[in-house]
C-alpha cells in the first residue's frame, strides 16, 4: 500500500438544502448532515487513518469530529482548508447570484479564474489547500492515510492541482456530494504526477488495483 490522501466533504447544512452559496460563512451541519457524517465515519475508520486535518469552519470540524470519535485520533484544525471565500455571493441562492451578477456564475462554473463575489480565485484556493495538505501527507509513514475534512470547492481545486490538471480543466471534476470522499494515492511509478486519483465522490471504500491491463 502507498500513502493516501482522503478528501472528505462535510455533511449537509441548511444552506446546502436551500442551495445557497456558503463560502466561508460558518454554517453548522443540520440533522441530516450529522447523520451523514456519523455513517461515513464508520466506513472511513476502516481505512485506519493515521491523521485527521480539518477546516476550522463548524461544518467541517463537526465532520472531522465524527471520525475522531470512532478512531480516537485528534483533529488538527487549519484555516487553509476552508471553502472558497466568495465575498458578496455568500448566502445567496444561484438565482439571486444570476440576478445580481449576470453571467458571472456560469463563467465561474465553467472553470474561469473569475473571483466569485470579489473573493478568491480557484488557483488561490488550491495553493493554500496544497500548502496545508502536502506537508501533512509527506509526514505520513509508508502506507499511511491522511483524512482531510474540508469543503466541496476547495477539495476539487486541491485535487485538480495535486494530480496535475491544468486549472481550466478542474471543472471536469464533478460536484462533490455531502459526506462523500475522494482518494488520492501516491504514484510510485517514477513518471506522471506525484498523486493519482483512485476514487472520486465515493461513499464506498477504495479497492486496490494492480494495473490497467490486469
C-alpha atoms as a PDB file:
ATOM      1  CA  UNK A   1       0.000   0.000   0.000  1.00  0.00           C
ATOM      2  CA  UNK A   2       1.087   3.545  -0.736  1.00  0.00           C
ATOM      3  CA  UNK A   3       0.317   6.772   1.086  1.00  0.00           C
ATOM      4  CA  UNK A   4      -3.219   8.039   0.606  1.00  0.00           C
ATOM      5  CA  UNK A   5      -4.965  11.389   0.955  1.00  0.00           C
ATOM      6  CA  UNK A   6      -8.722  11.239   1.513  1.00  0.00           C
ATOM      7  CA  UNK A   7     -10.558  14.498   0.838  1.00  0.00           C
ATOM      8  CA  UNK A   8     -13.850  14.287   2.748  1.00  0.00           C
ATOM      9  CA  UNK A   9     -16.575  16.836   2.153  1.00  0.00           C
ATOM     10  CA  UNK A  10     -18.604  17.927   5.177  1.00  0.00           C
ATOM     11  CA  UNK A  11     -22.175  16.769   5.741  1.00  0.00           C
ATOM     12  CA  UNK A  12     -25.272  18.698   4.766  1.00  0.00           C
ATOM     13  CA  UNK A  13     -26.136  22.122   6.159  1.00  0.00           C
ATOM     14  CA  UNK A  14     -29.372  24.098   5.959  1.00  0.00           C
ATOM     15  CA  UNK A  15     -27.747  26.293   3.299  1.00  0.00           C
ATOM     16  CA  UNK A  16     -26.872  23.199   1.252  1.00  0.00           C
ATOM     17  CA  UNK A  17     -30.507  22.158   1.431  1.00  0.00           C
ATOM     18  CA  UNK A  18     -31.567  25.666   0.316  1.00  0.00           C
ATOM     19  CA  UNK A  19     -28.869  25.697  -2.386  1.00  0.00           C
ATOM     20  CA  UNK A  20     -27.235  28.823  -1.004  1.00  0.00           C
ATOM     21  CA  UNK A  21     -23.590  29.620  -1.701  1.00  0.00           C
ATOM     22  CA  UNK A  22     -21.799  29.087   1.615  1.00  0.00           C
ATOM     23  CA  UNK A  23     -18.178  30.023   1.021  1.00  0.00           C
ATOM     24  CA  UNK A  24     -16.562  30.802   4.363  1.00  0.00           C
ATOM     25  CA  UNK A  25     -19.826  31.640   6.136  1.00  0.00           C
ATOM     26  CA  UNK A  26     -19.806  29.447   9.229  1.00  0.00           C
ATOM     27  CA  UNK A  27     -22.973  27.401   8.789  1.00  0.00           C
ATOM     28  CA  UNK A  28     -23.270  24.279  11.004  1.00  0.00           C
ATOM     29  CA  UNK A  29     -24.404  20.815   9.960  1.00  0.00           C
ATOM     30  CA  UNK A  30     -28.127  20.167  10.084  1.00  0.00           C
ATOM     31  CA  UNK A  31     -29.650  16.953  11.452  1.00  0.00           C
ATOM     32  CA  UNK A  32     -29.289  15.191   8.106  1.00  0.00           C
ATOM     33  CA  UNK A  33     -25.656  16.282   7.883  1.00  0.00           C
ATOM     34  CA  UNK A  34     -24.869  14.994  11.364  1.00  0.00           C
ATOM     35  CA  UNK A  35     -26.320  11.592  10.475  1.00  0.00           C
ATOM     36  CA  UNK A  36     -24.391  11.550   7.189  1.00  0.00           C
ATOM     37  CA  UNK A  37     -21.015  12.100   8.819  1.00  0.00           C
ATOM     38  CA  UNK A  38     -21.595   9.521  11.556  1.00  0.00           C
ATOM     39  CA  UNK A  39     -22.327   6.915   8.888  1.00  0.00           C
ATOM     40  CA  UNK A  40     -19.373   7.987   6.730  1.00  0.00           C
ATOM     41  CA  UNK A  41     -17.014   7.986   9.710  1.00  0.00           C
ATOM     42  CA  UNK A  42     -17.742   4.320  10.383  1.00  0.00           C
ATOM     43  CA  UNK A  43     -16.631   3.489   6.855  1.00  0.00           C
ATOM     44  CA  UNK A  44     -13.564   5.738   6.810  1.00  0.00           C
ATOM     45  CA  UNK A  45     -12.371   4.328  10.127  1.00  0.00           C
ATOM     46  CA  UNK A  46     -11.821   1.028   8.309  1.00  0.00           C
ATOM     47  CA  UNK A  47      -9.015   2.723   6.358  1.00  0.00           C
ATOM     48  CA  UNK A  48      -7.155   3.041   9.677  1.00  0.00           C
ATOM     49  CA  UNK A  49      -6.217   6.694   9.144  1.00  0.00           C
ATOM     50  CA  UNK A  50      -3.021   7.979  10.702  1.00  0.00           C
ATOM     51  CA  UNK A  51      -4.019  11.632  10.890  1.00  0.00           C
ATOM     52  CA  UNK A  52      -7.062  13.903  10.551  1.00  0.00           C
ATOM     53  CA  UNK A  53      -6.747  17.524   9.472  1.00  0.00           C
ATOM     54  CA  UNK A  54      -9.755  19.777   9.081  1.00  0.00           C
ATOM     55  CA  UNK A  55     -11.019  23.154   8.054  1.00  0.00           C
ATOM     56  CA  UNK A  56     -11.811  25.193  11.154  1.00  0.00           C
ATOM     57  CA  UNK A  57     -15.324  26.045   9.920  1.00  0.00           C
ATOM     58  CA  UNK A  58     -18.030  24.408  12.051  1.00  0.00           C
ATOM     59  CA  UNK A  59     -19.452  22.126   9.376  1.00  0.00           C
ATOM     60  CA  UNK A  60     -16.058  20.589   8.566  1.00  0.00           C
ATOM     61  CA  UNK A  61     -14.952  20.488  12.200  1.00  0.00           C
ATOM     62  CA  UNK A  62     -18.075  18.507  13.172  1.00  0.00           C
ATOM     63  CA  UNK A  63     -17.468  16.169  10.238  1.00  0.00           C
ATOM     64  CA  UNK A  64     -13.891  15.523  11.371  1.00  0.00           C
ATOM     65  CA  UNK A  65     -15.026  15.070  14.967  1.00  0.00           C
ATOM     66  CA  UNK A  66     -17.310  12.215  13.930  1.00  0.00           C
ATOM     67  CA  UNK A  67     -14.250  10.312  12.713  1.00  0.00           C
ATOM     68  CA  UNK A  68     -12.250  11.314  15.773  1.00  0.00           C
ATOM     69  CA  UNK A  69     -14.983   9.832  17.957  1.00  0.00           C
ATOM     70  CA  UNK A  70     -14.583   6.476  16.188  1.00  0.00           C
ATOM     71  CA  UNK A  71     -10.797   6.368  15.818  1.00  0.00           C
ATOM     72  CA  UNK A  72      -9.564   8.298  18.852  1.00  0.00           C
ATOM     73  CA  UNK A  73      -7.363  10.456  16.617  1.00  0.00           C
ATOM     74  CA  UNK A  74      -7.123  14.150  17.419  1.00  0.00           C
ATOM     75  CA  UNK A  75      -8.423  16.628  14.855  1.00  0.00           C
ATOM     76  CA  UNK A  76      -5.903  19.233  13.708  1.00  0.00           C
ATOM     77  CA  UNK A  77      -7.707  22.408  12.573  1.00  0.00           C
ATOM     78  CA  UNK A  78      -6.219  24.508   9.770  1.00  0.00           C
ATOM     79  CA  UNK A  79      -7.949  27.562   8.313  1.00  0.00           C
ATOM     80  CA  UNK A  80      -6.150  26.988   4.994  1.00  0.00           C
ATOM     81  CA  UNK A  81      -8.592  24.100   4.457  1.00  0.00           C
ATOM     82  CA  UNK A  82     -11.610  26.418   4.377  1.00  0.00           C
ATOM     83  CA  UNK A  83     -14.002  26.711   1.455  1.00  0.00           C
ATOM     84  CA  UNK A  84     -13.515  29.353  -1.215  1.00  0.00           C
ATOM     85  CA  UNK A  85     -14.095  32.855   0.124  1.00  0.00           C
ATOM     86  CA  UNK A  86     -16.906  34.099  -2.113  1.00  0.00           C
ATOM     87  CA  UNK A  87     -17.447  37.650  -0.887  1.00  0.00           C
ATOM     88  CA  UNK A  88     -20.800  39.075  -1.944  1.00  0.00           C
ATOM     89  CA  UNK A  89     -22.060  35.724  -3.220  1.00  0.00           C
ATOM     90  CA  UNK A  90     -22.164  34.118   0.214  1.00  0.00           C
ATOM     91  CA  UNK A  91     -25.672  33.435   1.470  1.00  0.00           C
ATOM     92  CA  UNK A  92     -27.241  33.937  -1.951  1.00  0.00           C
ATOM     93  CA  UNK A  93     -29.090  31.324  -3.956  1.00  0.00           C
ATOM     94  CA  UNK A  94     -27.981  30.618  -7.510  1.00  0.00           C
ATOM     95  CA  UNK A  95     -30.976  32.542  -8.828  1.00  0.00           C
ATOM     96  CA  UNK A  96     -30.036  35.540  -6.681  1.00  0.00           C
ATOM     97  CA  UNK A  97     -26.427  35.408  -7.870  1.00  0.00           C
ATOM     98  CA  UNK A  98     -27.578  35.306 -11.503  1.00  0.00           C
ATOM     99  CA  UNK A  99     -29.849  38.278 -10.890  1.00  0.00           C
ATOM    100  CA  UNK A 100     -27.283  40.437  -9.099  1.00  0.00           C
ATOM    101  CA  UNK A 101     -24.187  39.347 -11.036  1.00  0.00           C
ATOM    102  CA  UNK A 102     -25.440  38.426 -14.538  1.00  0.00           C
ATOM    103  CA  UNK A 103     -23.377  35.789 -16.311  1.00  0.00           C
ATOM    104  CA  UNK A 104     -20.716  35.529 -13.600  1.00  0.00           C
ATOM    105  CA  UNK A 105     -21.883  32.259 -12.035  1.00  0.00           C
ATOM    106  CA  UNK A 106     -21.873  30.336 -15.308  1.00  0.00           C
ATOM    107  CA  UNK A 107     -18.490  31.813 -16.242  1.00  0.00           C
ATOM    108  CA  UNK A 108     -17.035  30.807 -12.894  1.00  0.00           C
ATOM    109  CA  UNK A 109     -18.625  27.331 -13.009  1.00  0.00           C
ATOM    110  CA  UNK A 110     -17.076  26.716 -16.427  1.00  0.00           C
ATOM    111  CA  UNK A 111     -13.601  26.970 -14.913  1.00  0.00           C
ATOM    112  CA  UNK A 112     -12.789  30.641 -15.286  1.00  0.00           C
ATOM    113  CA  UNK A 113     -10.444  32.285 -12.798  1.00  0.00           C
ATOM    114  CA  UNK A 114     -13.127  34.860 -12.032  1.00  0.00           C
ATOM    115  CA  UNK A 115     -13.248  35.992  -8.389  1.00  0.00           C
ATOM    116  CA  UNK A 116     -16.671  34.876  -7.079  1.00  0.00           C
ATOM    117  CA  UNK A 117     -18.285  37.805  -5.324  1.00  0.00           C
ATOM    118  CA  UNK A 118     -14.896  39.521  -5.339  1.00  0.00           C
ATOM    119  CA  UNK A 119     -13.367  36.650  -3.354  1.00  0.00           C
ATOM    120  CA  UNK A 120     -10.684  34.061  -4.109  1.00  0.00           C
ATOM    121  CA  UNK A 121      -9.742  32.517  -7.424  1.00  0.00           C
ATOM    122  CA  UNK A 122      -9.668  28.739  -7.717  1.00  0.00           C
ATOM    123  CA  UNK A 123      -5.893  28.780  -8.066  1.00  0.00           C
ATOM    124  CA  UNK A 124      -5.538  30.759  -4.834  1.00  0.00           C
ATOM    125  CA  UNK A 125      -7.755  28.235  -3.072  1.00  0.00           C
ATOM    126  CA  UNK A 126      -5.773  25.308  -4.477  1.00  0.00           C
ATOM    127  CA  UNK A 127      -2.454  26.843  -3.452  1.00  0.00           C
ATOM    128  CA  UNK A 128      -3.452  27.299   0.185  1.00  0.00           C
ATOM    129  CA  UNK A 129      -5.054  23.846   0.294  1.00  0.00           C
ATOM    130  CA  UNK A 130      -1.974  22.135  -1.108  1.00  0.00           C
ATOM    131  CA  UNK A 131       0.261  24.140   1.245  1.00  0.00           C
ATOM    132  CA  UNK A 132      -1.639  22.552   4.143  1.00  0.00           C
ATOM    133  CA  UNK A 133      -2.128  19.050   2.739  1.00  0.00           C
ATOM    134  CA  UNK A 134       1.191  18.237   1.069  1.00  0.00           C
ATOM    135  CA  UNK A 135       3.396  18.555   4.187  1.00  0.00           C
ATOM    136  CA  UNK A 136       0.901  16.513   6.195  1.00  0.00           C
ATOM    137  CA  UNK A 137       0.950  13.799   3.527  1.00  0.00           C
ATOM    138  CA  UNK A 138       4.754  13.893   3.297  1.00  0.00           C
ATOM    139  CA  UNK A 139       4.968  13.261   7.046  1.00  0.00           C
ATOM    140  CA  UNK A 140       2.954  10.030   6.800  1.00  0.00           C
ATOM    141  CA  UNK A 141       4.650   6.716   7.264  1.00  0.00           C
ATOM    142  CA  UNK A 142       4.713   4.437   4.234  1.00  0.00           C
ATOM    143  CA  UNK A 143       1.127   3.264   3.532  1.00  0.00           C
ATOM    144  CA  UNK A 144      -0.309   5.911   5.885  1.00  0.00           C
ATOM    145  CA  UNK A 145      -3.677   7.543   5.235  1.00  0.00           C
ATOM    146  CA  UNK A 146      -4.421  11.236   5.768  1.00  0.00           C
ATOM    147  CA  UNK A 147      -8.045  12.360   6.147  1.00  0.00           C
ATOM    148  CA  UNK A 148      -8.764  15.943   5.085  1.00  0.00           C
ATOM    149  CA  UNK A 149     -12.184  17.138   6.284  1.00  0.00           C
ATOM    150  CA  UNK A 150     -12.964  20.071   4.062  1.00  0.00           C
ATOM    151  CA  UNK A 151     -15.408  21.534   1.528  1.00  0.00           C
ATOM    152  CA  UNK A 152     -16.556  20.736  -1.991  1.00  0.00           C
ATOM    153  CA  UNK A 153     -14.997  23.601  -3.923  1.00  0.00           C
ATOM    154  CA  UNK A 154     -11.715  23.621  -2.056  1.00  0.00           C
ATOM    155  CA  UNK A 155     -11.373  19.827  -2.336  1.00  0.00           C
ATOM    156  CA  UNK A 156     -11.924  19.922  -6.098  1.00  0.00           C
ATOM    157  CA  UNK A 157      -9.327  22.662  -6.526  1.00  0.00           C
ATOM    158  CA  UNK A 158      -6.764  20.806  -4.413  1.00  0.00           C
ATOM    159  CA  UNK A 159      -7.358  17.530  -6.240  1.00  0.00           C
ATOM    160  CA  UNK A 160      -7.003  19.247  -9.610  1.00  0.00           C
ATOM    161  CA  UNK A 161      -3.668  20.767  -8.625  1.00  0.00           C
ATOM    162  CA  UNK A 162      -2.278  17.628  -6.954  1.00  0.00           C
ATOM    163  CA  UNK A 163      -2.996  15.375  -9.946  1.00  0.00           C
ATOM    164  CA  UNK A 164      -1.544  17.898 -12.359  1.00  0.00           C
ATOM    165  CA  UNK A 165      -4.663  19.015 -14.251  1.00  0.00           C
ATOM    166  CA  UNK A 166      -4.399  22.487 -15.773  1.00  0.00           C
ATOM    167  CA  UNK A 167      -6.680  24.913 -13.899  1.00  0.00           C
ATOM    168  CA  UNK A 168      -9.028  25.386 -16.854  1.00  0.00           C
ATOM    169  CA  UNK A 169      -9.746  21.623 -16.700  1.00  0.00           C
ATOM    170  CA  UNK A 170     -10.630  21.483 -12.999  1.00  0.00           C
ATOM    171  CA  UNK A 171     -14.279  21.976 -13.924  1.00  0.00           C
ATOM    172  CA  UNK A 172     -14.153  18.438 -15.357  1.00  0.00           C
ATOM    173  CA  UNK A 173     -14.227  17.181 -11.777  1.00  0.00           C
ATOM    174  CA  UNK A 174     -17.847  16.802 -10.755  1.00  0.00           C
ATOM    175  CA  UNK A 175     -19.624  18.433  -7.825  1.00  0.00           C
ATOM    176  CA  UNK A 176     -18.961  16.559  -4.590  1.00  0.00           C
ATOM    177  CA  UNK A 177     -21.857  15.176  -2.548  1.00  0.00           C
ATOM    178  CA  UNK A 178     -22.190  15.932   1.151  1.00  0.00           C
ATOM    179  CA  UNK A 179     -20.148  13.495   3.288  1.00  0.00           C
ATOM    180  CA  UNK A 180     -18.636  11.846   0.190  1.00  0.00           C
ATOM    181  CA  UNK A 181     -14.890  11.416  -0.196  1.00  0.00           C
ATOM    182  CA  UNK A 182     -12.210  11.254  -2.875  1.00  0.00           C
ATOM    183  CA  UNK A 183      -8.979   9.281  -2.588  1.00  0.00           C
ATOM    184  CA  UNK A 184      -5.562  10.197  -3.957  1.00  0.00           C
ATOM    185  CA  UNK A 185      -2.857   7.543  -3.877  1.00  0.00           C
ATOM    186  CA  UNK A 186       0.862   8.149  -4.063  1.00  0.00           C
ATOM    187  CA  UNK A 187       2.302   7.499  -7.517  1.00  0.00           C
ATOM    188  CA  UNK A 188       5.496   5.471  -7.198  1.00  0.00           C
ATOM    189  CA  UNK A 189       5.943   4.700 -10.909  1.00  0.00           C
ATOM    190  CA  UNK A 190       8.544   7.403 -11.428  1.00  0.00           C
ATOM    191  CA  UNK A 191       6.541   9.165 -14.122  1.00  0.00           C
ATOM    192  CA  UNK A 192       3.493  11.400 -14.150  1.00  0.00           C
ATOM    193  CA  UNK A 193       2.125  13.416 -11.211  1.00  0.00           C
ATOM    194  CA  UNK A 194       3.041  12.574  -7.628  1.00  0.00           C
ATOM    195  CA  UNK A 195      -0.580  11.675  -6.827  1.00  0.00           C
ATOM    196  CA  UNK A 196      -3.197   9.658  -8.706  1.00  0.00           C
ATOM    197  CA  UNK A 197      -6.960   9.923  -8.310  1.00  0.00           C
ATOM    198  CA  UNK A 198      -8.187   6.471  -7.239  1.00  0.00           C
ATOM    199  CA  UNK A 199     -11.736   7.259  -6.063  1.00  0.00           C
ATOM    200  CA  UNK A 200     -13.895  10.346  -6.645  1.00  0.00           C
ATOM    201  CA  UNK A 201     -17.130  11.386  -4.935  1.00  0.00           C
ATOM    202  CA  UNK A 202     -17.347   7.965  -3.324  1.00  0.00           C
ATOM    203  CA  UNK A 203     -19.271   6.516  -0.420  1.00  0.00           C
ATOM    204  CA  UNK A 204     -17.588   3.119  -0.610  1.00  0.00           C
ATOM    205  CA  UNK A 205     -14.050   2.131   0.309  1.00  0.00           C
ATOM    206  CA  UNK A 206     -11.267   2.070  -2.315  1.00  0.00           C
ATOM    207  CA  UNK A 207     -10.230  -1.258  -3.819  1.00  0.00           C
ATOM    208  CA  UNK A 208      -6.575  -1.830  -4.644  1.00  0.00           C
ATOM    209  CA  UNK A 209      -5.972  -2.042  -8.410  1.00  0.00           C
ATOM    210  CA  UNK A 210      -2.944  -3.782  -9.943  1.00  0.00           C
ATOM    211  CA  UNK A 211      -2.731  -2.129 -13.357  1.00  0.00           C
ATOM    212  CA  UNK A 212      -4.928  -1.133 -16.274  1.00  0.00           C
ATOM    213  CA  UNK A 213      -4.050  -4.293 -18.211  1.00  0.00           C
ATOM    214  CA  UNK A 214      -4.524  -6.822 -15.393  1.00  0.00           C
END
